[in-house]
C-alpha atoms as a PDB file:
ATOM      1  CA  UNK A   1     -25.176  22.359 -45.309  1.00  0.00           C
ATOM      2  CA  UNK A   2     -28.021  21.554 -42.909  1.00  0.00           C
ATOM      3  CA  UNK A   3     -26.894  17.936 -42.881  1.00  0.00           C
ATOM      4  CA  UNK A   4     -23.334  19.011 -41.937  1.00  0.00           C
ATOM      5  CA  UNK A   5     -24.641  21.229 -39.109  1.00  0.00           C
ATOM      6  CA  UNK A   6     -26.808  18.363 -37.851  1.00  0.00           C
ATOM      7  CA  UNK A   7     -23.821  15.992 -37.951  1.00  0.00           C
ATOM      8  CA  UNK A   8     -21.633  18.460 -36.020  1.00  0.00           C
ATOM      9  CA  UNK A   9     -24.388  19.036 -33.417  1.00  0.00           C
ATOM     10  CA  UNK A  10     -24.955  15.297 -32.990  1.00  0.00           C
ATOM     11  CA  UNK A  11     -21.223  14.585 -32.700  1.00  0.00           C
ATOM     12  CA  UNK A  12     -20.852  17.428 -30.178  1.00  0.00           C
ATOM     13  CA  UNK A  13     -23.721  16.079 -28.061  1.00  0.00           C
ATOM     14  CA  UNK A  14     -22.245  12.579 -28.211  1.00  0.00           C
ATOM     15  CA  UNK A  15     -18.794  13.756 -27.124  1.00  0.00           C
ATOM     16  CA  UNK A  16     -20.302  15.876 -24.311  1.00  0.00           C
ATOM     17  CA  UNK A  17     -22.343  12.938 -23.018  1.00  0.00           C
ATOM     18  CA  UNK A  18     -19.363  10.578 -22.686  1.00  0.00           C
ATOM     19  CA  UNK A  19     -18.115  10.553 -19.093  1.00  0.00           C
ATOM     20  CA  UNK A  20     -14.583   9.264 -18.804  1.00  0.00           C
ATOM     21  CA  UNK A  21     -14.616   9.658 -15.011  1.00  0.00           C
ATOM     22  CA  UNK A  22     -12.187  11.693 -12.957  1.00  0.00           C
ATOM     23  CA  UNK A  23      -8.734  12.202 -14.400  1.00  0.00           C
ATOM     24  CA  UNK A  24      -6.239   9.527 -13.342  1.00  0.00           C
ATOM     25  CA  UNK A  25      -3.222  10.531 -11.299  1.00  0.00           C
ATOM     26  CA  UNK A  26      -0.018   9.821 -13.203  1.00  0.00           C
ATOM     27  CA  UNK A  27       2.052   7.285 -11.347  1.00  0.00           C
ATOM     28  CA  UNK A  28       5.268   5.362 -11.618  1.00  0.00           C
ATOM     29  CA  UNK A  29       4.732   1.619 -11.457  1.00  0.00           C
ATOM     30  CA  UNK A  30       7.486  -0.756 -10.416  1.00  0.00           C
ATOM     31  CA  UNK A  31       7.472  -4.308  -9.164  1.00  0.00           C
ATOM     32  CA  UNK A  32       9.396  -7.129  -7.609  1.00  0.00           C
ATOM     33  CA  UNK A  33       8.736 -10.847  -7.443  1.00  0.00           C
ATOM     34  CA  UNK A  34       6.343 -10.354  -4.525  1.00  0.00           C
ATOM     35  CA  UNK A  35       5.193  -6.716  -4.647  1.00  0.00           C
ATOM     36  CA  UNK A  36       3.834  -3.971  -6.906  1.00  0.00           C
ATOM     37  CA  UNK A  37       4.852  -0.359  -6.173  1.00  0.00           C
ATOM     38  CA  UNK A  38       2.802   2.650  -7.311  1.00  0.00           C
ATOM     39  CA  UNK A  39       4.495   6.020  -6.739  1.00  0.00           C
ATOM     40  CA  UNK A  40       2.584   9.293  -7.074  1.00  0.00           C
ATOM     41  CA  UNK A  41       3.540  12.888  -6.329  1.00  0.00           C
ATOM     42  CA  UNK A  42       1.670  15.877  -4.984  1.00  0.00           C
ATOM     43  CA  UNK A  43       1.578  18.320  -6.711  1.00  0.00           C
ATOM     44  CA  UNK A  44       1.263  16.696 -10.111  1.00  0.00           C
ATOM     45  CA  UNK A  45       3.518  17.253 -11.901  1.00  0.00           C
ATOM     46  CA  UNK A  46       6.185  18.070  -9.296  1.00  0.00           C
ATOM     47  CA  UNK A  47       7.426  21.641  -9.578  1.00  0.00           C
ATOM     48  CA  UNK A  48      11.026  22.751  -9.179  1.00  0.00           C
ATOM     49  CA  UNK A  49      11.783  24.522  -5.898  1.00  0.00           C
ATOM     50  CA  UNK A  50       8.571  23.350  -4.256  1.00  0.00           C
ATOM     51  CA  UNK A  51       8.131  20.683  -1.631  1.00  0.00           C
ATOM     52  CA  UNK A  52       6.819  17.495  -3.173  1.00  0.00           C
ATOM     53  CA  UNK A  53       5.089  14.745  -1.240  1.00  0.00           C
ATOM     54  CA  UNK A  54       5.597  11.312  -2.753  1.00  0.00           C
ATOM     55  CA  UNK A  55       3.227   8.509  -1.847  1.00  0.00           C
ATOM     56  CA  UNK A  56       4.312   4.910  -2.295  1.00  0.00           C
ATOM     57  CA  UNK A  57       1.569   2.307  -2.303  1.00  0.00           C
ATOM     58  CA  UNK A  58       2.818  -1.249  -2.009  1.00  0.00           C
ATOM     59  CA  UNK A  59       0.536  -4.072  -3.031  1.00  0.00           C
ATOM     60  CA  UNK A  60       1.010  -7.774  -2.560  1.00  0.00           C
ATOM     61  CA  UNK A  61       1.412  -9.090  -6.112  1.00  0.00           C
ATOM     62  CA  UNK A  62      -0.659 -12.210  -5.427  1.00  0.00           C
ATOM     63  CA  UNK A  63      -3.613 -10.704  -3.521  1.00  0.00           C
ATOM     64  CA  UNK A  64      -3.461  -7.128  -4.815  1.00  0.00           C
ATOM     65  CA  UNK A  65      -3.948  -5.900  -1.226  1.00  0.00           C
ATOM     66  CA  UNK A  66      -1.844  -3.182   0.486  1.00  0.00           C
ATOM     67  CA  UNK A  67       0.932  -4.426   2.785  1.00  0.00           C
ATOM     68  CA  UNK A  68       1.357  -1.961   5.630  1.00  0.00           C
ATOM     69  CA  UNK A  69       1.495  -4.103   8.762  1.00  0.00           C
ATOM     70  CA  UNK A  70       4.410  -3.371  11.115  1.00  0.00           C
ATOM     71  CA  UNK A  71       6.707  -6.292  11.880  1.00  0.00           C
ATOM     72  CA  UNK A  72       7.976  -7.254  15.342  1.00  0.00           C
ATOM     73  CA  UNK A  73      11.446  -6.025  14.311  1.00  0.00           C
ATOM     74  CA  UNK A  74      10.245  -2.568  13.231  1.00  0.00           C
ATOM     75  CA  UNK A  75       8.054  -2.264  16.326  1.00  0.00           C
ATOM     76  CA  UNK A  76      11.057  -3.115  18.528  1.00  0.00           C
ATOM     77  CA  UNK A  77      13.210  -0.569  16.708  1.00  0.00           C
ATOM     78  CA  UNK A  78      10.586   2.135  17.281  1.00  0.00           C
ATOM     79  CA  UNK A  79      10.331   1.179  20.997  1.00  0.00           C
ATOM     80  CA  UNK A  80      14.122   1.283  21.373  1.00  0.00           C
ATOM     81  CA  UNK A  81      14.382   4.677  19.667  1.00  0.00           C
ATOM     82  CA  UNK A  82      11.422   6.039  21.666  1.00  0.00           C
ATOM     83  CA  UNK A  83      13.163   4.939  24.881  1.00  0.00           C
ATOM     84  CA  UNK A  84      15.979   7.377  24.027  1.00  0.00           C
ATOM     85  CA  UNK A  85      13.885  10.170  22.501  1.00  0.00           C
ATOM     86  CA  UNK A  86      10.104   9.687  22.308  1.00  0.00           C
ATOM     87  CA  UNK A  87       8.284  10.337  19.030  1.00  0.00           C
ATOM     88  CA  UNK A  88      11.451  10.252  16.938  1.00  0.00           C
ATOM     89  CA  UNK A  89      10.564   9.402  13.334  1.00  0.00           C
ATOM     90  CA  UNK A  90      12.583   6.548  11.847  1.00  0.00           C
ATOM     91  CA  UNK A  91      14.361   7.872   8.778  1.00  0.00           C
ATOM     92  CA  UNK A  92      17.435   6.597   6.994  1.00  0.00           C
ATOM     93  CA  UNK A  93      19.857   8.306   9.431  1.00  0.00           C
ATOM     94  CA  UNK A  94      18.108   6.912  12.525  1.00  0.00           C
ATOM     95  CA  UNK A  95      17.937   3.462  10.905  1.00  0.00           C
ATOM     96  CA  UNK A  96      21.651   3.548  10.033  1.00  0.00           C
ATOM     97  CA  UNK A  97      22.524   4.627  13.574  1.00  0.00           C
ATOM     98  CA  UNK A  98      20.314   1.923  15.064  1.00  0.00           C
ATOM     99  CA  UNK A  99      21.812  -0.953  13.074  1.00  0.00           C
ATOM    100  CA  UNK A 100      25.363   0.428  13.494  1.00  0.00           C
ATOM    101  CA  UNK A 101      24.908   0.506  17.270  1.00  0.00           C
ATOM    102  CA  UNK A 102      23.523  -3.038  17.193  1.00  0.00           C
ATOM    103  CA  UNK A 103      26.485  -4.196  15.076  1.00  0.00           C
ATOM    104  CA  UNK A 104      28.903  -2.673  17.607  1.00  0.00           C
ATOM    105  CA  UNK A 105      27.073  -4.260  20.567  1.00  0.00           C
ATOM    106  CA  UNK A 106      27.174  -7.692  18.896  1.00  0.00           C
ATOM    107  CA  UNK A 107      30.900  -7.319  18.160  1.00  0.00           C
ATOM    108  CA  UNK A 108      31.547  -6.111  21.723  1.00  0.00           C
ATOM    109  CA  UNK A 109      29.796  -9.187  23.149  1.00  0.00           C
ATOM    110  CA  UNK A 110      31.784 -11.500  20.867  1.00  0.00           C
ATOM    111  CA  UNK A 111      35.063  -9.806  21.904  1.00  0.00           C
ATOM    112  CA  UNK A 112      34.881 -11.476  25.314  1.00  0.00           C
ATOM    113  CA  UNK A 113      35.205 -10.492  28.962  1.00  0.00           C
ATOM    114  CA  UNK A 114      37.952  -7.874  28.620  1.00  0.00           C
ATOM    115  CA  UNK A 115      37.334  -6.223  25.256  1.00  0.00           C
ATOM    116  CA  UNK A 116      40.002  -4.104  23.634  1.00  0.00           C
ATOM    117  CA  UNK A 117      39.709  -2.207  20.334  1.00  0.00           C
ATOM    118  CA  UNK A 118      41.720  -4.995  18.700  1.00  0.00           C
ATOM    119  CA  UNK A 119      39.482  -7.753  20.116  1.00  0.00           C
ATOM    120  CA  UNK A 120      36.308  -5.916  19.026  1.00  0.00           C
ATOM    121  CA  UNK A 121      37.730  -5.422  15.511  1.00  0.00           C
ATOM    122  CA  UNK A 122      38.776  -9.071  15.297  1.00  0.00           C
ATOM    123  CA  UNK A 123      35.324 -10.225  16.467  1.00  0.00           C
ATOM    124  CA  UNK A 124      33.552  -7.919  14.005  1.00  0.00           C
ATOM    125  CA  UNK A 125      35.742  -9.143  11.151  1.00  0.00           C
ATOM    126  CA  UNK A 126      34.569 -12.750  11.640  1.00  0.00           C
ATOM    127  CA  UNK A 127      30.930 -12.515  12.678  1.00  0.00           C
ATOM    128  CA  UNK A 128      27.593 -12.799  10.948  1.00  0.00           C
ATOM    129  CA  UNK A 129      25.555  -9.658  11.592  1.00  0.00           C
ATOM    130  CA  UNK A 130      21.790  -9.785  11.622  1.00  0.00           C
ATOM    131  CA  UNK A 131      18.833  -8.117  13.294  1.00  0.00           C
ATOM    132  CA  UNK A 132      16.208 -10.719  12.441  1.00  0.00           C
ATOM    133  CA  UNK A 133      13.448  -9.265  10.282  1.00  0.00           C
ATOM    134  CA  UNK A 134      15.284  -5.975   9.824  1.00  0.00           C
ATOM    135  CA  UNK A 135      18.751  -6.419   8.336  1.00  0.00           C
ATOM    136  CA  UNK A 136      21.171  -9.172   7.371  1.00  0.00           C
ATOM    137  CA  UNK A 137      22.464 -11.762   7.584  1.00  0.00           C
ATOM    138  CA  UNK A 138      25.805 -10.358   6.466  1.00  0.00           C
ATOM    139  CA  UNK A 139      28.764 -12.731   6.838  1.00  0.00           C
ATOM    140  CA  UNK A 140      32.220 -11.352   7.551  1.00  0.00           C
ATOM    141  CA  UNK A 141      34.827 -11.623   6.121  1.00  0.00           C
ATOM    142  CA  UNK A 142      32.962 -13.146   3.139  1.00  0.00           C
ATOM    143  CA  UNK A 143      31.032  -9.952   2.465  1.00  0.00           C
ATOM    144  CA  UNK A 144      34.290  -8.104   1.771  1.00  0.00           C
ATOM    145  CA  UNK A 145      34.708 -10.024  -1.495  1.00  0.00           C
ATOM    146  CA  UNK A 146      31.376 -11.748  -2.171  1.00  0.00           C
ATOM    147  CA  UNK A 147      28.195  -9.672  -2.096  1.00  0.00           C
ATOM    148  CA  UNK A 148      25.660 -10.934   0.385  1.00  0.00           C
ATOM    149  CA  UNK A 149      22.058 -11.354  -0.699  1.00  0.00           C
ATOM    150  CA  UNK A 150      20.114  -8.102  -0.846  1.00  0.00           C
ATOM    151  CA  UNK A 151      17.644  -8.018   2.026  1.00  0.00           C
ATOM    152  CA  UNK A 152      15.302  -5.305   3.075  1.00  0.00           C
ATOM    153  CA  UNK A 153      11.850  -3.952   3.715  1.00  0.00           C
ATOM    154  CA  UNK A 154      10.264  -0.827   2.348  1.00  0.00           C
ATOM    155  CA  UNK A 155       9.342   1.468   5.225  1.00  0.00           C
ATOM    156  CA  UNK A 156       6.995   4.452   5.304  1.00  0.00           C
ATOM    157  CA  UNK A 157       6.912   7.213   7.898  1.00  0.00           C
ATOM    158  CA  UNK A 158       4.347   9.949   8.463  1.00  0.00           C
ATOM    159  CA  UNK A 159       6.762  11.746  10.797  1.00  0.00           C
ATOM    160  CA  UNK A 160       5.218  10.129  13.868  1.00  0.00           C
ATOM    161  CA  UNK A 161       5.208   6.417  13.171  1.00  0.00           C
ATOM    162  CA  UNK A 162       6.840   3.930  10.859  1.00  0.00           C
ATOM    163  CA  UNK A 163       4.846   1.378   8.929  1.00  0.00           C
ATOM    164  CA  UNK A 164       6.039  -1.449   6.747  1.00  0.00           C
ATOM    165  CA  UNK A 165       5.090  -0.842   3.156  1.00  0.00           C
ATOM    166  CA  UNK A 166       6.716  -4.075   1.952  1.00  0.00           C
ATOM    167  CA  UNK A 167       7.774  -6.738   4.466  1.00  0.00           C
ATOM    168  CA  UNK A 168      11.369  -7.826   4.930  1.00  0.00           C
ATOM    169  CA  UNK A 169      12.584 -10.382   2.412  1.00  0.00           C
ATOM    170  CA  UNK A 170      15.888 -11.439   0.899  1.00  0.00           C
ATOM    171  CA  UNK A 171      16.887 -12.062  -2.683  1.00  0.00           C
ATOM    172  CA  UNK A 172      19.056 -15.072  -3.471  1.00  0.00           C
ATOM    173  CA  UNK A 173      20.566 -13.210  -6.436  1.00  0.00           C
ATOM    174  CA  UNK A 174      24.310 -12.605  -6.084  1.00  0.00           C
ATOM    175  CA  UNK A 175      26.748 -10.815  -8.340  1.00  0.00           C
ATOM    176  CA  UNK A 176      30.458 -11.535  -8.746  1.00  0.00           C
ATOM    177  CA  UNK A 177      32.910  -8.987  -7.393  1.00  0.00           C
ATOM    178  CA  UNK A 178      35.383  -7.897 -10.055  1.00  0.00           C
ATOM    179  CA  UNK A 179      38.979  -8.845  -9.172  1.00  0.00           C
ATOM    180  CA  UNK A 180      40.114  -5.197  -9.128  1.00  0.00           C
ATOM    181  CA  UNK A 181      37.759  -4.564  -6.166  1.00  0.00           C
ATOM    182  CA  UNK A 182      38.920  -7.509  -4.047  1.00  0.00           C
ATOM    183  CA  UNK A 183      41.328  -6.812  -1.194  1.00  0.00           C
END
């Protein structure tokens, strides 16, 4: 009996003396050819009907270092948006509006000296759209039936500034378009 009590006391002291460090935050881990993505939430676990802040940490797969340096293209986009309305955060809606406006301007320039809706549409239907380092290239009319390579960067915003979490890169992977979806 005394031996059992001594064993329990010793085991208890041993367990109490082991320091496993602070608890680890649960995270979702994803990756691409060039980057590792760690996604955490606050609070942990996320609660229904409460605001949740997600943090995405992007690491260069080769060096293991964070990649958060803005690119010239994202800096130019922020300058252009700030020229219209200073301190506007770049979210998905602002980004979509920015590249849509750029697409229209490129098509308008290609339409010639006296653009008409028909000339702008014809120019847009046969151009290659790209904002270097930000989006594209997307070739028209090819992209109507053949998917263009997936290109993009992972952006982060704190509500005041945009940073590049993963720099712009394109995948050479393409997928066939099923005949029923071709025009």
